[in-house]
């Protein structure tokens, strides 16, 4: 009850306590700390004057220090809060600037959109006007199209009538022309039978010429085989020549080495001569000293026993010096003699080897010359046979030309229209064959090495062209089966003649290739002879 009844006492006591506790400031705290430090310094300096502090003052000082620490922590917190507030203000200012820029851009975009809307409205108005004008033009064009269609229909009807009339006229003309052709074909049959007999005789001669060509091909294959053998021999000769060149190179190197050895031997001989001269000089000096000693001994006149001992000593020294010198000279002479004998034996062996190689190369050259002479004889015989074949072909061609002119004159006298058709018919199949032969001849002149392969391809091309010509002839002469058979025989004969011509051209090209290869072989043989001469000269040297 007492405690509750007297609340003003508590307040008054609190006031008293608050009044008793002084207000602590940083200046007061600093002054107190400085006084304490000053007292500490005085204590350290004097160590005699001591200050007595009561417990109350000590507790009061420790409480003040704690308050200072707390206040410093509060100051640091406030500074961190201020820095955070400044950073937030900067961020907000940046956001405000960005919002202002966005607002300006939105205003400019709205103005541009208004301008575009105005331009689009103008374009719509112009498009509507152009559409109206196009609609008017379309109506006018529809009317013009209808009129054109009417005119086209009338023109078509008139043209169809004219075409029918022309077809009737042409059909009547073709029937008349057909009757005339049938009559003329009967006349041509007789002429073709006569030509068939002549073609049979020509076929016999062609078979004979083909047999001769087969023989020529066989001889050509033999010549090619002999040429291949010659090529192989030439390659072997080249290899041997290369080996001889290598041997010569090695011999030249050995000669250089031996020359160097000779130089070394000469130098050693010079050194030996110098040593010999030095030994002679030493001996002369010793002899002079001996004579001087003898003179001295003679002046002193020693006994006979002493003179005998001196003579023996001098002779022993002379024998020793002469033996050493003779041993040195004899050993040097023996070594030089052995080296020279070995070198001479090696030179003799090498000369024997080179002579044997030269003899073998000469024998091979003679064999190659004999082969070349045989190939020349074969080539000359082939050229003579080819000339005979050309003469026979020329005579056969002249006979064919005469017979063909006679038959063509008969046909021309009977009907000029059919002659024109037959001439065109004969010229059409012959022209591609002739052009093909010309092209193949040029082609073979450019590529002579691959003549055999090109010959087979040319044969296949000519046969295919002749088959095409034969099919065209069958189409032209479909009305009469007998006539087509005779015409086919004639075309076959012509194709065989053209094949023979192409074969002759190929034989000529192959002969040219053979002559060129023979010339190249001759040049190679001459080169081999020159190299052999060069080797002989080197050996003689």
Protein backbone atom coordinates (compact mmCIF):
# COMPACT_ATOMS: atom_id res chain seq x y z
CA UNK A 1 0.00 0.00 0.00
CA UNK A 2 2.81 2.35 0.78
CA UNK A 3 4.47 1.70 -2.55
CA UNK A 4 1.26 2.30 -4.46
CA UNK A 5 0.21 5.30 -2.47
CA UNK A 6 3.33 7.33 -3.09
CA UNK A 7 4.04 7.51 -6.77
CA UNK A 8 5.43 11.04 -6.60
CA UNK A 9 8.29 9.79 -4.50
CA UNK A 10 9.40 7.55 -7.31
CA UNK A 11 9.29 10.40 -9.77
CA UNK A 12 11.24 12.67 -7.51
CA UNK A 13 13.83 9.97 -6.94
CA UNK A 14 14.12 9.44 -10.67
CA UNK A 15 14.62 13.17 -11.15
CA UNK A 16 17.32 13.19 -8.58
CA UNK A 17 19.14 10.30 -10.20
CA UNK A 18 18.90 11.93 -13.58
CA UNK A 19 20.15 15.21 -12.20
CA UNK A 20 23.01 13.49 -10.44
CA UNK A 21 24.12 11.72 -13.69
CA UNK A 22 25.76 14.38 -15.80
CA UNK A 23 25.21 14.59 -19.58
CA UNK A 24 28.07 12.94 -21.32
CA UNK A 25 29.39 14.59 -24.47
CA UNK A 26 32.25 13.60 -26.71
CA UNK A 27 34.26 16.62 -25.53
CA UNK A 28 33.89 15.62 -21.90
CA UNK A 29 34.82 12.04 -22.75
CA UNK A 30 37.91 13.22 -24.62
CA UNK A 31 38.93 15.52 -21.72
CA UNK A 32 38.56 12.72 -19.22
CA UNK A 33 40.53 10.31 -21.39
CA UNK A 34 43.26 12.93 -21.90
CA UNK A 35 43.42 13.54 -18.17
CA UNK A 36 43.71 9.80 -17.58
CA UNK A 37 46.44 9.54 -20.21
CA UNK A 38 48.23 12.55 -18.69
CA UNK A 39 48.05 10.91 -15.30
CA UNK A 40 49.42 7.68 -16.77
CA UNK A 41 52.31 9.57 -18.36
CA UNK A 42 53.06 11.32 -15.11
CA UNK A 43 53.07 7.96 -13.36
CA UNK A 44 55.45 6.55 -15.91
CA UNK A 45 57.74 9.57 -15.71
CA UNK A 46 57.89 10.04 -11.98
CA UNK A 47 56.90 6.61 -10.69
CA UNK A 48 56.70 8.33 -7.32
CA UNK A 49 53.43 10.31 -7.36
CA UNK A 50 50.41 8.02 -7.31
CA UNK A 51 46.77 9.19 -7.76
CA UNK A 52 44.05 7.49 -5.85
CA UNK A 53 40.78 7.07 -7.76
CA UNK A 54 37.66 5.88 -6.12
CA UNK A 55 35.65 2.94 -7.41
CA UNK A 56 32.75 5.17 -8.30
CA UNK A 57 34.90 7.31 -10.59
CA UNK A 58 36.45 4.19 -12.16
CA UNK A 59 33.03 2.66 -12.85
CA UNK A 60 31.84 5.99 -14.18
CA UNK A 61 34.85 6.13 -16.59
CA UNK A 62 34.28 2.57 -17.85
CA UNK A 63 30.59 3.37 -18.48
CA UNK A 64 31.60 6.44 -20.45
CA UNK A 65 33.91 4.37 -22.66
CA UNK A 66 31.09 1.93 -23.42
CA UNK A 67 28.83 4.81 -24.36
CA UNK A 68 31.49 6.20 -26.74
CA UNK A 69 31.76 2.82 -28.50
CA UNK A 70 27.98 2.59 -28.87
CA UNK A 71 27.78 6.11 -30.26
CA UNK A 72 30.49 5.38 -32.86
CA UNK A 73 28.54 2.30 -34.01
CA UNK A 74 25.37 4.39 -34.35
CA UNK A 75 27.27 6.99 -36.42
CA UNK A 76 28.50 4.28 -38.81
CA UNK A 77 24.96 2.90 -39.22
CA UNK A 78 23.64 6.36 -40.01
CA UNK A 79 26.37 6.90 -42.63
CA UNK A 80 25.52 3.58 -44.34
CA UNK A 81 21.84 4.53 -44.37
CA UNK A 82 22.70 7.92 -45.94
CA UNK A 83 24.75 6.26 -48.71
CA UNK A 84 21.87 3.85 -49.46
CA UNK A 85 19.44 6.78 -49.61
CA UNK A 86 21.72 8.65 -52.04
CA UNK A 87 21.98 5.56 -54.32
CA UNK A 88 18.17 5.16 -54.33
CA UNK A 89 17.81 8.83 -55.29
CA UNK A 90 20.21 8.39 -58.24
CA UNK A 91 18.32 5.31 -59.49
CA UNK A 92 15.00 7.13 -59.30
CA UNK A 93 16.41 10.10 -61.23
CA UNK A 94 17.61 7.72 -63.99
CA UNK A 95 14.16 6.10 -64.17
CA UNK A 96 12.55 9.53 -64.47
CA UNK A 97 14.87 10.41 -67.38
CA UNK A 98 14.05 7.11 -69.14
CA UNK A 99 10.32 7.67 -68.74
CA UNK A 100 10.71 11.14 -70.25
CA UNK A 101 12.55 9.75 -73.29
CA UNK A 102 9.89 7.05 -73.81
CA UNK A 103 7.17 9.68 -73.67
CA UNK A 104 8.95 11.82 -76.28
CA UNK A 105 9.38 8.80 -78.60
CA UNK A 106 5.69 7.90 -78.22
CA UNK A 107 4.68 11.44 -79.19
CA UNK A 108 6.92 11.40 -82.30
CA UNK A 109 5.54 7.95 -83.34
CA UNK A 110 1.98 9.16 -82.97
CA UNK A 111 2.73 12.15 -85.23
CA UNK A 112 4.31 9.85 -87.87
CA UNK A 113 1.28 7.52 -87.75
CA UNK A 114 -1.03 10.47 -88.38
CA UNK A 115 1.03 11.49 -91.43
CA UNK A 116 0.97 7.91 -92.80
CA UNK A 117 -2.80 7.70 -92.36
CA UNK A 118 -3.21 10.88 -94.40
CA UNK A 119 -0.96 9.55 -97.21
CA UNK A 120 -2.82 6.21 -97.29
CA UNK A 121 -6.15 8.01 -97.64
CA UNK A 122 -4.77 9.90 -100.65
CA UNK A 123 -3.56 6.63 -102.21
CA UNK A 124 -6.98 5.01 -101.69
CA UNK A 125 -8.67 7.85 -103.52
CA UNK A 126 -6.22 7.58 -106.46
CA UNK A 127 -6.70 3.78 -106.61
CA UNK A 128 -10.46 4.09 -106.71
CA UNK A 129 -10.20 6.52 -109.63
CA UNK A 130 -7.82 4.19 -111.54
CA UNK A 131 -10.13 1.22 -110.88
CA UNK A 132 -13.06 3.05 -112.41
CA UNK A 133 -11.01 3.86 -115.53
CA UNK A 134 -9.86 0.22 -115.85
CA UNK A 135 -13.44 -1.03 -115.61
CA UNK A 136 -14.44 1.25 -118.48
CA UNK A 137 -11.54 -0.02 -120.62
CA UNK A 138 -12.46 -3.66 -119.85
CA UNK A 139 -15.99 -3.13 -121.15
CA UNK A 140 -14.61 -1.67 -124.40
CA UNK A 141 -12.14 -4.59 -124.79
CA UNK A 142 -14.87 -7.19 -124.28
CA UNK A 143 -16.79 -5.78 -127.21
CA UNK A 144 -13.65 -5.76 -129.39
CA UNK A 145 -12.91 -9.40 -128.49
CA UNK A 146 -16.36 -10.52 -129.51
CA UNK A 147 -15.94 -8.89 -132.91
CA UNK A 148 -12.49 -10.52 -133.37
CA UNK A 149 -13.88 -13.96 -132.53
CA UNK A 150 -16.55 -13.59 -135.18
CA UNK A 151 -13.94 -12.65 -137.79
CA UNK A 152 -11.69 -15.60 -136.81
CA UNK A 153 -14.56 -18.07 -137.22
CA UNK A 154 -15.31 -16.80 -140.69
CA UNK A 155 -11.62 -17.01 -141.68
CA UNK A 156 -11.38 -20.60 -140.37
CA UNK A 157 -14.35 -21.74 -142.40
CA UNK A 158 -12.91 -20.21 -145.56
CA UNK A 159 -9.45 -21.76 -144.96
CA UNK A 160 -10.93 -25.23 -144.35
CA UNK A 161 -12.78 -25.09 -147.65
CA UNK A 162 -9.61 -24.06 -149.48
CA UNK A 163 -7.58 -26.86 -147.81
CA UNK A 164 -10.09 -29.49 -148.85
CA UNK A 165 -9.96 -28.30 -152.44
CA UNK A 166 -6.13 -28.36 -152.42
CA UNK A 167 -6.10 -31.89 -150.93
CA UNK A 168 -8.33 -33.18 -153.73
CA UNK A 169 -6.09 -31.62 -156.37
CA UNK A 170 -2.91 -33.02 -154.80
CA UNK A 171 -4.35 -36.52 -154.41
CA UNK A 172 -5.21 -36.62 -158.12
CA UNK A 173 -1.69 -35.43 -159.01
CA UNK A 174 -0.06 -38.02 -156.71
CA UNK A 175 -2.05 -40.84 -158.29
CA UNK A 176 -0.85 -39.82 -161.76
CA UNK A 177 2.73 -39.50 -160.50
CA UNK A 178 2.49 -42.94 -158.86
CA UNK A 179 1.48 -44.60 -162.12
CA UNK A 180 4.42 -42.96 -163.89
CA UNK A 181 6.82 -44.10 -161.16
CA UNK A 182 5.62 -47.71 -161.37
CA UNK A 183 6.29 -47.75 -165.11
CA UNK A 184 9.75 -46.28 -164.64
CA UNK A 185 10.57 -48.71 -161.78
CA UNK A 186 9.97 -51.63 -164.14
CA UNK A 187 12.53 -50.15 -166.50
CA UNK A 188 15.01 -49.66 -163.67
CA UNK A 189 14.72 -53.30 -162.62
CA UNK A 190 16.30 -54.42 -165.85
CA UNK A 191 19.23 -52.02 -165.42
CA UNK A 192 19.72 -53.13 -161.81
CA UNK A 193 19.93 -56.79 -162.84
CA UNK A 194 22.74 -55.97 -165.25
CA UNK A 195 24.51 -53.99 -162.54
CA UNK A 196 24.11 -56.93 -160.14
CA UNK A 197 26.10 -59.13 -162.51
CA UNK A 198 28.84 -56.51 -162.68
CA UNK A 199 28.82 -56.19 -158.88
CA UNK A 200 29.31 -59.97 -158.52
CA UNK A 201 32.51 -59.73 -160.56
CA UNK A 202 33.63 -56.80 -158.45
CA UNK A 203 32.90 -58.74 -155.26
CA UNK A 204 35.27 -61.48 -156.36
CA UNK A 205 38.05 -58.97 -156.90
CA UNK A 206 37.22 -57.38 -153.53
CA UNK A 207 37.51 -60.75 -151.78
CA UNK A 208 40.94 -61.24 -153.30
CA UNK A 209 42.03 -57.78 -152.18
CA UNK A 210 40.65 -58.45 -148.68
CA UNK A 211 42.75 -61.62 -148.49
CA UNK A 212 45.80 -59.58 -149.47
CA UNK A 213 44.95 -57.03 -146.79
CA UNK A 214 44.73 -59.81 -144.20
CA UNK A 215 48.18 -60.98 -145.22
CA UNK A 216 49.46 -57.42 -144.95
CA UNK A 217 47.95 -57.15 -141.47
CA UNK A 218 49.72 -60.35 -140.42
CA UNK A 219 53.01 -59.03 -141.75
CA UNK A 220 52.33 -55.74 -140.00
CA UNK A 221 51.79 -57.59 -136.70
CA UNK A 222 55.08 -59.40 -137.21
CA UNK A 223 56.82 -56.10 -137.90
CA UNK A 224 55.23 -54.61 -134.77
CA UNK A 225 56.46 -57.55 -132.70
CA UNK A 226 59.95 -57.11 -134.13
CA UNK A 227 59.75 -53.39 -133.34
CA UNK A 228 58.73 -54.18 -129.77
CA UNK A 229 61.73 -56.48 -129.48
CA UNK A 230 63.93 -53.72 -130.83
CA UNK A 231 62.44 -51.30 -128.32
CA UNK A 232 63.20 -53.75 -125.52
CA UNK A 233 66.74 -54.15 -126.83
CA UNK A 234 67.12 -50.38 -126.99
CA UNK A 235 65.91 -50.09 -123.41
CA UNK A 236 68.41 -52.74 -122.33
CA UNK A 237 71.14 -50.84 -124.21
CA UNK A 238 70.15 -47.65 -122.42
CA UNK A 239 70.32 -49.42 -119.08
CA UNK A 240 73.77 -50.80 -119.92
CA UNK A 241 74.94 -47.38 -121.05
CA UNK A 242 73.71 -45.88 -117.79
CA UNK A 243 75.56 -48.59 -115.87
CA UNK A 244 78.72 -47.87 -117.90
CA UNK A 245 78.34 -44.17 -117.16
CA UNK A 246 78.02 -44.98 -113.48
CA UNK A 247 81.13 -47.17 -113.66
CA UNK A 248 83.04 -44.39 -115.42
CA UNK A 249 81.95 -41.98 -112.72
CA UNK A 250 83.17 -44.38 -110.05
CA UNK A 251 86.46 -44.89 -111.93
CA UNK A 252 86.98 -41.14 -112.13
CA UNK A 253 86.40 -40.89 -108.39
CA UNK A 254 88.90 -43.72 -107.80
CA UNK A 255 91.41 -41.94 -110.03
CA UNK A 256 91.01 -38.81 -107.95
CA UNK A 257 91.53 -40.82 -104.78
CA UNK A 258 94.63 -42.43 -106.25
CA UNK A 259 96.01 -39.08 -107.32
CA UNK A 260 95.55 -37.90 -103.77
CA UNK A 261 97.36 -41.02 -102.55
CA UNK A 262 100.21 -40.27 -104.96
CA UNK A 263 100.42 -36.75 -103.58
CA UNK A 264 100.56 -38.12 -100.06
CA UNK A 265 103.32 -40.58 -101.09
CA UNK A 266 105.29 -37.75 -102.68
CA UNK A 267 104.93 -35.69 -99.53
CA UNK A 268 106.11 -38.63 -97.40
CA UNK A 269 109.09 -39.10 -99.76
CA UNK A 270 109.95 -35.44 -99.38
CA UNK A 271 109.78 -35.78 -95.60
CA UNK A 272 112.06 -38.85 -95.80
CA UNK A 273 114.53 -36.91 -97.94
CA UNK A 274 114.55 -34.10 -95.40
CA UNK A 275 115.23 -36.58 -92.61
CA UNK A 276 118.02 -38.13 -94.67
CA UNK A 277 119.66 -34.73 -95.19
CA UNK A 278 119.40 -34.03 -91.47
CA UNK A 279 121.00 -37.41 -90.70
CA UNK A 280 123.81 -36.68 -93.17
CA UNK A 281 124.38 -33.30 -91.56
CA UNK A 282 124.51 -34.90 -88.10
CA UNK A 283 126.95 -37.52 -89.36
CA UNK A 284 129.23 -34.85 -90.84
CA UNK A 285 129.17 -32.98 -87.54
CA UNK A 286 130.04 -36.16 -85.67
CA UNK A 287 132.88 -36.93 -88.06
CA UNK A 288 134.27 -33.40 -87.58
CA UNK A 289 134.15 -33.85 -83.80
CA UNK A 290 135.81 -37.24 -84.14
CA UNK A 291 138.62 -35.75 -86.19
CA UNK A 292 139.03 -32.97 -83.64
CA UNK A 293 139.19 -35.53 -80.85
CA UNK A 294 141.71 -37.56 -82.81
CA UNK A 295 143.86 -34.47 -83.22
CA UNK A 296 143.69 -33.85 -79.50
CA UNK A 297 144.55 -37.46 -78.77
CA UNK A 298 147.48 -37.33 -81.12
CA UNK A 299 148.73 -34.27 -79.35
CA UNK A 300 148.49 -36.03 -76.01
CA UNK A 301 149.88 -39.27 -77.55
CA UNK A 302 148.00 -41.93 -75.53
CA UNK A 303 148.93 -45.56 -75.56
CA UNK A 304 147.99 -48.10 -78.27
CA UNK A 305 145.35 -49.71 -76.07
CA UNK A 306 143.49 -46.41 -75.63
CA UNK A 307 143.64 -45.74 -79.38
CA UNK A 308 142.15 -49.15 -80.14
CA UNK A 309 139.27 -48.55 -77.70
CA UNK A 310 138.53 -45.15 -79.26
CA UNK A 311 138.45 -46.66 -82.75
CA UNK A 312 136.10 -49.40 -81.63
CA UNK A 313 133.74 -46.86 -80.01
CA UNK A 314 133.67 -44.68 -83.15
CA UNK A 315 133.01 -47.67 -85.43
CA UNK A 316 130.21 -48.92 -83.19
CA UNK A 317 128.51 -45.52 -83.29
CA UNK A 318 128.82 -45.41 -87.08
CA UNK A 319 127.34 -48.89 -87.48
CA UNK A 320 124.40 -48.01 -85.24
CA UNK A 321 123.60 -44.78 -87.12
CA UNK A 322 123.92 -46.41 -90.57
CA UNK A 323 121.70 -49.36 -89.52
CA UNK A 324 118.95 -47.06 -88.30
CA UNK A 325 119.10 -45.03 -91.52
CA UNK A 326 119.06 -48.14 -93.75
CA UNK A 327 116.09 -49.60 -91.85
CA UNK A 328 114.09 -46.40 -92.30
CA UNK A 329 114.83 -46.13 -96.04
CA UNK A 330 114.18 -49.84 -96.71
CA UNK A 331 110.80 -49.78 -94.88
CA UNK A 332 109.67 -46.70 -96.83
CA UNK A 333 110.72 -48.17 -100.19
CA UNK A 334 108.97 -51.49 -99.52
CA UNK A 335 105.67 -49.78 -98.54
CA UNK A 336 105.76 -47.56 -101.64
CA UNK A 337 106.50 -50.55 -103.88
CA UNK A 338 103.60 -52.56 -102.43
CA UNK A 339 101.14 -49.66 -102.86
CA UNK A 340 102.19 -49.08 -106.45
CA UNK A 341 101.91 -52.79 -107.32
CA UNK A 342 98.39 -52.94 -105.85
CA UNK A 343 97.34 -49.86 -107.80
CA UNK A 344 98.70 -51.33 -111.05
CA UNK A 345 96.78 -54.57 -110.50
CA UNK A 346 93.55 -52.63 -109.90
CA UNK A 347 94.09 -50.56 -113.07
CA UNK A 348 94.63 -53.73 -115.12
CA UNK A 349 91.43 -55.31 -113.77
CA UNK A 350 89.41 -52.19 -114.53
CA UNK A 351 90.77 -51.96 -118.09
CA UNK A 352 89.83 -55.61 -118.66
CA UNK A 353 86.28 -54.97 -117.44
CA UNK A 354 85.88 -51.91 -119.64
CA UNK A 355 87.15 -53.81 -122.68
CA UNK A 356 84.66 -56.61 -122.04
CA UNK A 357 81.81 -54.10 -121.69
CA UNK A 358 82.82 -52.41 -124.95
CA UNK A 359 82.91 -55.74 -126.77
CA UNK A 360 79.41 -56.65 -125.52
CA UNK A 361 78.04 -53.22 -126.49
CA UNK A 362 79.57 -53.57 -129.97
CA UNK A 363 77.94 -56.99 -130.42
CA UNK A 364 74.56 -55.61 -129.33
CA UNK A 365 74.92 -52.67 -131.72
CA UNK A 366 75.63 -55.01 -134.60
CA UNK A 367 72.56 -57.10 -133.70
CA UNK A 368 70.39 -53.96 -133.59
CA UNK A 369 71.74 -52.87 -136.98
CA UNK A 370 70.89 -56.27 -138.46
CA UNK A 371 67.36 -56.02 -137.07
CA UNK A 372 67.02 -52.53 -138.53
CA UNK A 373 68.11 -53.77 -141.98
CA UNK A 374 65.54 -56.59 -141.85
CA UNK A 375 62.79 -54.15 -140.83
CA UNK A 376 63.78 -51.82 -143.69
CA UNK A 377 63.48 -54.70 -146.16
CA UNK A 378 60.06 -55.63 -144.81
CA UNK A 379 58.87 -52.04 -144.97
CA UNK A 380 60.00 -51.74 -148.60
CA UNK A 381 58.18 -54.96 -149.53
CA UNK A 382 55.03 -53.68 -147.77
CA UNK A 383 55.22 -50.39 -149.65
CA UNK A 384 55.54 -52.24 -152.98
CA UNK A 385 52.50 -54.41 -152.18
CA UNK A 386 50.50 -51.35 -151.17
CA UNK A 387 51.35 -49.63 -154.45
CA UNK A 388 50.20 -52.73 -156.38
CA UNK A 389 46.93 -52.72 -154.42
CA UNK A 390 46.42 -49.02 -155.19
CA UNK A 391 46.89 -49.67 -158.91
CA UNK A 392 44.36 -52.53 -158.84
CA UNK A 393 41.88 -50.37 -156.91
CA UNK A 394 42.28 -47.49 -159.33
CA UNK A 395 41.54 -49.80 -162.28
CA UNK A 396 38.49 -51.23 -160.48
CA UNK A 397 37.22 -47.75 -159.63
CA UNK A 398 37.57 -46.65 -163.26
CA UNK A 399 35.54 -49.67 -164.41
CA UNK A 400 32.86 -48.95 -161.81
CA UNK A 401 32.67 -45.31 -162.85
CA UNK A 402 32.23 -46.28 -166.53
CA UNK A 403 29.44 -48.77 -165.71
CA UNK A 404 27.71 -46.29 -163.44
CA UNK A 405 27.81 -43.56 -166.10
CA UNK A 406 26.29 -45.91 -168.69
CA UNK A 407 23.44 -46.88 -166.35
CA UNK A 408 22.78 -43.27 -165.35
CA UNK A 409 22.71 -42.17 -169.02
CA UNK A 410 20.09 -44.84 -169.73
CA UNK A 411 17.94 -43.72 -166.83
CA UNK A 412 18.25 -40.06 -167.80
CA UNK A 413 17.13 -40.80 -171.37
CA UNK A 414 14.02 -42.58 -170.08
CA UNK A 415 12.76 -40.17 -167.36
CA UNK A 416 14.33 -36.97 -166.04
CA UNK A 417 12.19 -36.86 -162.88
CA UNK A 418 13.29 -40.29 -161.71
CA UNK A 419 16.95 -39.51 -162.46
CA UNK A 420 16.73 -36.49 -160.20
CA UNK A 421 15.20 -38.61 -157.45
CA UNK A 422 17.79 -41.38 -157.88
CA UNK A 423 20.65 -38.88 -157.90
CA UNK A 424 19.41 -37.35 -154.66
CA UNK A 425 18.92 -40.83 -153.23
CA UNK A 426 22.49 -41.87 -154.13
CA UNK A 427 24.03 -38.64 -152.91
CA UNK A 428 22.33 -38.65 -149.53
CA UNK A 429 23.76 -41.94 -148.21
CA UNK A 430 27.19 -41.39 -149.75
CA UNK A 431 27.78 -37.92 -148.30
CA UNK A 432 27.98 -38.90 -144.61
CA UNK A 433 30.32 -41.79 -145.42
CA UNK A 434 32.68 -39.57 -147.43
CA UNK A 435 32.67 -36.93 -144.72
CA UNK A 436 33.34 -39.61 -142.12
CA UNK A 437 36.33 -40.93 -144.12
CA UNK A 438 37.76 -37.41 -144.42
CA UNK A 439 37.32 -36.77 -140.73
CA UNK A 440 38.87 -40.13 -139.81
CA UNK A 441 41.90 -39.49 -142.04
CA UNK A 442 42.50 -36.13 -140.34
CA UNK A 443 41.98 -37.75 -136.97
CA UNK A 444 44.51 -40.48 -137.71
CA UNK A 445 47.07 -37.92 -138.89
CA UNK A 446 46.75 -36.17 -135.53
CA UNK A 447 46.85 -39.34 -133.38
CA UNK A 448 49.04 -41.89 -135.10
CA UNK A 449 49.94 -43.84 -132.03
CA UNK A 450 46.38 -45.06 -131.35
CA UNK A 451 45.63 -46.14 -134.94
CA UNK A 452 44.43 -49.66 -134.15
CA UNK A 453 41.80 -48.57 -131.60
CA UNK A 454 40.56 -45.76 -133.84
CA UNK A 455 40.35 -48.19 -136.78
CA UNK A 456 37.90 -50.40 -134.88
CA UNK A 457 35.79 -47.42 -133.80
CA UNK A 458 35.76 -46.09 -137.38
CA UNK A 459 34.64 -49.50 -138.65
CA UNK A 460 31.74 -49.59 -136.20
CA UNK A 461 30.71 -46.03 -137.17
CA UNK A 462 30.79 -46.77 -140.91
CA UNK A 463 28.80 -49.99 -140.42
CA UNK A 464 26.15 -48.14 -138.37
CA UNK A 465 25.89 -45.40 -141.02
CA UNK A 466 25.53 -47.98 -143.78
CA UNK A 467 22.80 -49.76 -141.84
CA UNK A 468 20.93 -46.46 -141.50
CA UNK A 469 21.25 -45.92 -145.24
CA UNK A 470 19.98 -49.43 -145.86
CA UNK A 471 16.89 -48.78 -143.69
CA UNK A 472 16.17 -45.56 -145.58
CA UNK A 473 16.40 -47.44 -148.87
CA UNK A 474 13.95 -50.04 -147.60
CA UNK A 475 11.49 -47.28 -146.64
CA UNK A 476 11.79 -45.65 -150.05
CA UNK A 477 11.25 -48.94 -151.88
CA UNK A 478 8.53 -50.46 -149.69
CA UNK A 479 6.16 -50.76 -152.67
CA UNK A 480 8.26 -53.41 -154.43
CA UNK A 481 10.04 -56.15 -152.40
CA UNK A 482 12.22 -57.42 -155.26
CA UNK A 483 13.48 -53.93 -156.04
CA UNK A 484 14.42 -53.35 -152.38
CA UNK A 485 16.55 -56.53 -152.30
CA UNK A 486 18.52 -55.45 -155.38
CA UNK A 487 19.02 -51.92 -154.02
CA UNK A 488 20.26 -53.36 -150.72
CA UNK A 489 22.84 -55.46 -152.57
CA UNK A 490 24.08 -52.37 -154.36
CA UNK A 491 24.35 -50.42 -151.11
CA UNK A 492 26.29 -53.27 -149.52
CA UNK A 493 28.73 -53.28 -152.42
CA UNK A 494 29.24 -49.53 -152.07
CA UNK A 495 29.78 -49.91 -148.31
CA UNK A 496 32.40 -52.61 -148.89
CA UNK A 497 34.23 -50.34 -151.34
CA UNK A 498 34.26 -47.55 -148.77
CA UNK A 499 35.53 -49.88 -146.05
CA UNK A 500 38.37 -50.93 -148.32
CA UNK A 501 39.22 -47.26 -148.92
CA UNK A 502 39.33 -46.61 -145.19
CA UNK A 503 41.51 -49.72 -144.68
CA UNK A 504 43.94 -48.44 -147.33
CA UNK A 505 44.15 -45.08 -145.55
CA UNK A 506 44.87 -46.86 -142.27
CA UNK A 507 47.62 -48.95 -143.91
CA UNK A 508 49.24 -45.75 -145.20
CA UNK A 509 49.12 -44.17 -141.75
CA UNK A 510 50.63 -47.27 -140.16
CA UNK A 511 53.44 -47.27 -142.75
CA UNK A 512 54.18 -43.65 -141.88
CA UNK A 513 54.28 -44.56 -138.19
CA UNK A 514 56.70 -47.41 -138.98
CA UNK A 515 59.01 -45.14 -140.95
CA UNK A 516 59.03 -42.58 -138.14
CA UNK A 517 59.84 -45.27 -135.58
CA UNK A 518 62.65 -46.52 -137.84
CA UNK A 519 64.09 -43.00 -138.02
CA UNK A 520 63.94 -42.67 -134.24
CA UNK A 521 65.75 -46.03 -133.89
CA UNK A 522 68.46 -44.85 -136.27
CA UNK A 523 68.99 -41.67 -134.25
CA UNK A 524 69.14 -43.71 -131.03
CA UNK A 525 71.75 -46.06 -132.57
CA UNK A 526 73.84 -43.04 -133.58
CA UNK A 527 73.66 -41.72 -130.03
CA UNK A 528 74.81 -45.10 -128.69
CA UNK A 529 77.78 -45.10 -131.09
CA UNK A 530 78.76 -41.59 -129.98
CA UNK A 531 78.61 -42.63 -126.33
CA UNK A 532 80.76 -45.70 -127.05
CA UNK A 533 83.35 -43.49 -128.76
CA UNK A 534 83.37 -41.19 -125.75
CA UNK A 535 83.89 -44.16 -123.43
CA UNK A 536 86.79 -45.41 -125.55
CA UNK A 537 88.44 -42.00 -125.42
CA UNK A 538 88.10 -41.89 -121.65
CA UNK A 539 89.61 -45.37 -121.33
CA UNK A 540 92.53 -44.41 -123.58
CA UNK A 541 93.15 -41.35 -121.44
